Amino acid sequence: MKALLLTFGLSLLAALQGQAFPTVDETQNVSGTWYLKATAWDKEIPDKRLGSVPVTPMNIKTLEGGNLEVKFTVLIAGRCQEMTTLLKKTDEPGKYTAYMGTHVLFIIPSAVEDHYIFYYEGKMLKHRIRMAKLLGRDPEINQEALEDFQNAVRAGGLNPDNIFIPNQSETCPLGSD
């Protein structure tokens, strides 16, 4: 009986998660320049100053076979570093893996045109972490997209109080190395 209840509970949870996060289909093109508009973690943000750190646009390129190459610049130890991440397509639409399968990413279309939510699960510094990122085609904040993101954050079990909105910058403020 316990096994039956556990199976039923897990099936219900999977069905609810499927409803909470509709994923991108093959016809939607995520290639191009994207701006990080908001981020939420399942943990409390350790440093509230993160919201004041400028972020640069990211470039996503669809590769042969449906994999995605994501390029972005981050400020590490006072230096601008260009990073490239390969997202490997899985058999499940909108689901990708990175870093030898240790991280899972779902690309979820927002209800607002030209916006997507990237929902991420993985390990960071030996801790399990879940986060969501709102991406848009332009750097301006769209209030409707932000409200949709807040709803998705709640549906994904993340705390909407942990959402922060970064400052936009077209280039790394210190120049590239």
Protein backbone atom coordinates (compact mmCIF):
# COMPACT_ATOMS: atom_id res chain seq x y z
CA MET A 1 0.00 0.00 0.00
CA LYS A 2 2.84 2.40 0.88
CA ALA A 3 4.49 1.68 -2.47
CA LEU A 4 1.21 2.39 -4.27
CA LEU A 5 0.80 5.71 -2.42
CA LEU A 6 4.41 6.67 -3.14
CA THR A 7 3.98 5.87 -6.83
CA PHE A 8 0.75 7.86 -6.97
CA GLY A 9 2.35 10.80 -5.13
CA LEU A 10 5.38 10.86 -7.45
CA SER A 11 3.13 10.65 -10.53
CA LEU A 12 1.03 13.54 -9.24
CA LEU A 13 4.15 15.59 -8.53
CA ALA A 14 5.47 14.91 -12.04
CA ALA A 15 2.13 15.92 -13.55
CA LEU A 16 2.03 19.13 -11.53
CA GLN A 17 5.61 19.99 -12.50
CA GLY A 18 4.70 19.38 -16.13
CA GLN A 19 1.82 21.85 -15.81
CA ALA A 20 3.93 24.44 -14.02
CA PHE A 21 6.63 24.54 -16.68
CA PRO A 22 5.58 24.23 -20.32
CA THR A 23 8.81 23.92 -22.27
CA VAL A 24 9.97 25.35 -25.56
CA ASP A 25 9.19 23.35 -28.68
CA GLU A 26 11.40 22.72 -31.69
CA THR A 27 9.87 25.52 -33.76
CA GLN A 28 10.82 28.30 -31.32
CA ASN A 29 14.20 29.86 -32.01
CA VAL A 30 16.19 30.91 -28.95
CA SER A 31 19.28 31.92 -30.96
CA GLY A 32 20.45 35.50 -30.70
CA THR A 33 21.16 38.12 -28.08
CA TRP A 34 19.39 37.89 -24.74
CA TYR A 35 19.35 40.13 -21.67
CA LEU A 36 19.16 38.79 -18.12
CA LYS A 37 16.24 40.68 -16.58
CA ALA A 38 15.70 38.87 -13.27
CA THR A 39 17.04 35.94 -11.28
CA ALA A 40 15.65 33.90 -8.38
CA TRP A 41 17.30 31.21 -6.24
CA ASP A 42 15.92 28.63 -3.86
CA LYS A 43 18.44 29.95 -1.30
CA GLU A 44 18.54 33.42 0.18
CA ILE A 45 20.77 35.71 -1.86
CA PRO A 46 24.02 35.82 0.14
CA ASP A 47 24.93 39.35 -0.90
CA LYS A 48 22.20 41.87 -1.68
CA ARG A 49 24.76 43.91 -3.66
CA LEU A 50 24.48 41.31 -6.46
CA GLY A 51 21.62 43.36 -7.88
CA SER A 52 23.98 46.28 -8.42
CA VAL A 53 26.52 44.21 -10.37
CA PRO A 54 26.12 44.99 -14.07
CA VAL A 55 25.36 42.08 -16.39
CA THR A 56 26.12 41.96 -20.08
CA PRO A 57 23.95 40.42 -22.80
CA MET A 58 24.38 36.74 -23.55
CA ASN A 59 24.50 35.25 -27.00
CA ILE A 60 22.83 31.91 -27.70
CA LYS A 61 23.60 29.97 -30.84
CA THR A 62 21.72 26.86 -31.94
CA LEU A 63 24.20 24.21 -33.07
CA GLU A 64 23.71 21.20 -35.30
CA GLY A 65 21.65 18.57 -33.52
CA GLY A 66 19.78 21.14 -31.42
CA ASN A 67 22.47 21.76 -28.81
CA LEU A 68 22.92 25.36 -27.66
CA GLU A 69 26.11 27.37 -27.20
CA VAL A 70 25.75 30.16 -24.64
CA LYS A 71 28.37 32.93 -24.47
CA PHE A 72 28.41 35.60 -21.77
CA THR A 73 30.85 37.79 -19.87
CA VAL A 74 31.15 37.73 -16.08
CA LEU A 75 33.16 39.74 -13.60
CA ILE A 76 35.43 37.36 -11.66
CA ALA A 77 37.89 38.71 -9.10
CA GLY A 78 37.73 42.15 -10.67
CA ARG A 79 38.37 40.92 -14.21
CA CYS A 80 36.01 40.40 -17.11
CA GLN A 81 35.97 36.81 -18.32
CA GLU A 82 34.14 35.55 -21.40
CA MET A 83 32.49 32.22 -20.68
CA THR A 84 31.03 29.65 -23.04
CA THR A 85 28.67 26.90 -21.95
CA LEU A 86 27.38 24.03 -24.08
CA LEU A 87 23.80 22.99 -23.40
CA LYS A 88 23.18 19.50 -24.68
CA LYS A 89 19.70 18.77 -25.99
CA THR A 90 17.87 15.84 -24.42
CA ASP A 91 14.99 13.75 -25.73
CA GLU A 92 12.59 15.90 -23.69
CA PRO A 93 11.58 19.13 -25.46
CA GLY A 94 13.06 22.23 -23.81
CA LYS A 95 15.33 20.20 -21.51
CA TYR A 96 19.12 20.51 -21.73
CA THR A 97 22.07 19.32 -19.70
CA ALA A 98 25.43 20.95 -19.06
CA TYR A 99 28.72 20.11 -17.40
CA MET A 100 28.72 16.39 -18.21
CA GLY A 101 25.06 16.01 -17.26
CA THR A 102 25.42 17.34 -13.70
CA HIS A 103 23.22 20.38 -14.42
CA VAL A 104 19.75 20.37 -15.96
CA LEU A 105 18.18 23.39 -17.64
CA PHE A 106 14.62 23.85 -18.87
CA ILE A 107 13.82 26.61 -21.35
CA ILE A 108 10.28 27.79 -20.72
CA PRO A 109 8.47 30.30 -22.93
CA SER A 110 7.04 33.23 -21.00
CA ALA A 111 3.47 34.32 -21.60
CA VAL A 112 5.07 37.55 -22.84
CA GLU A 113 6.49 37.62 -26.37
CA ASP A 114 10.31 37.62 -26.70
CA HIS A 115 10.83 36.43 -23.11
CA TYR A 116 11.90 33.04 -21.78
CA ILE A 117 12.47 31.57 -18.35
CA PHE A 118 15.53 29.40 -17.88
CA TYR A 119 14.94 27.04 -14.94
CA TYR A 120 18.13 25.43 -13.64
CA GLU A 121 18.87 22.59 -11.23
CA GLY A 122 22.34 21.42 -10.31
CA LYS A 123 25.19 21.60 -7.83
CA MET A 124 27.24 24.66 -7.02
CA LEU A 125 30.13 24.35 -4.59
CA LYS A 126 28.78 20.97 -3.36
CA HIS A 127 25.32 22.39 -2.67
CA ARG A 128 22.17 21.59 -4.62
CA ILE A 129 20.71 24.71 -6.09
CA ARG A 130 17.69 25.64 -8.13
CA MET A 131 17.36 28.95 -9.91
CA ALA A 132 15.27 30.66 -12.52
CA LYS A 133 16.30 33.43 -14.88
CA LEU A 134 14.09 35.72 -16.92
CA LEU A 135 15.60 36.52 -20.32
CA GLY A 136 14.33 39.00 -22.88
CA ARG A 137 15.33 40.26 -26.32
CA ASP A 138 15.81 43.85 -25.14
CA PRO A 139 17.34 45.30 -21.96
CA GLU A 140 14.21 47.13 -20.77
CA ILE A 141 12.20 45.63 -17.91
CA ASN A 142 8.75 44.50 -19.02
CA GLN A 143 6.40 44.56 -16.01
CA GLU A 144 4.10 41.91 -17.51
CA ALA A 145 7.08 39.58 -18.11
CA LEU A 146 8.30 40.19 -14.55
CA GLU A 147 4.86 39.26 -13.16
CA ASP A 148 4.84 36.10 -15.31
CA PHE A 149 8.33 35.31 -13.96
CA GLN A 150 7.14 35.78 -10.37
CA ASN A 151 4.29 33.32 -11.00
CA ALA A 152 6.70 30.79 -12.53
CA VAL A 153 9.06 31.21 -9.58
CA ARG A 154 6.21 30.43 -7.18
CA ALA A 155 5.06 27.46 -9.30
CA GLY A 156 8.61 26.11 -9.32
CA GLY A 157 8.81 26.20 -5.53
CA LEU A 158 11.22 29.13 -5.40
CA ASN A 159 10.77 32.15 -3.15
CA PRO A 160 9.68 35.28 -5.08
CA ASP A 161 11.28 37.36 -2.29
CA ASN A 162 14.64 36.09 -3.59
CA ILE A 163 14.17 37.70 -7.01
CA PHE A 164 16.69 40.35 -7.92
CA ILE A 165 16.92 42.54 -10.99
CA PRO A 166 20.47 43.20 -12.22
CA ASN A 167 21.71 46.37 -13.88
CA GLN A 168 22.18 46.09 -17.64
CA SER A 169 25.46 46.92 -19.37
CA GLU A 170 26.24 46.44 -23.06
CA THR A 171 29.91 45.71 -22.24
CA CYS A 172 31.83 44.57 -19.18
CA PRO A 173 32.47 47.71 -17.11
CA LEU A 174 36.17 46.96 -16.81
CA GLY A 175 36.79 45.94 -20.45
CA SER A 176 37.55 42.40 -21.62
CA ASP A 177 40.76 40.48 -21.05
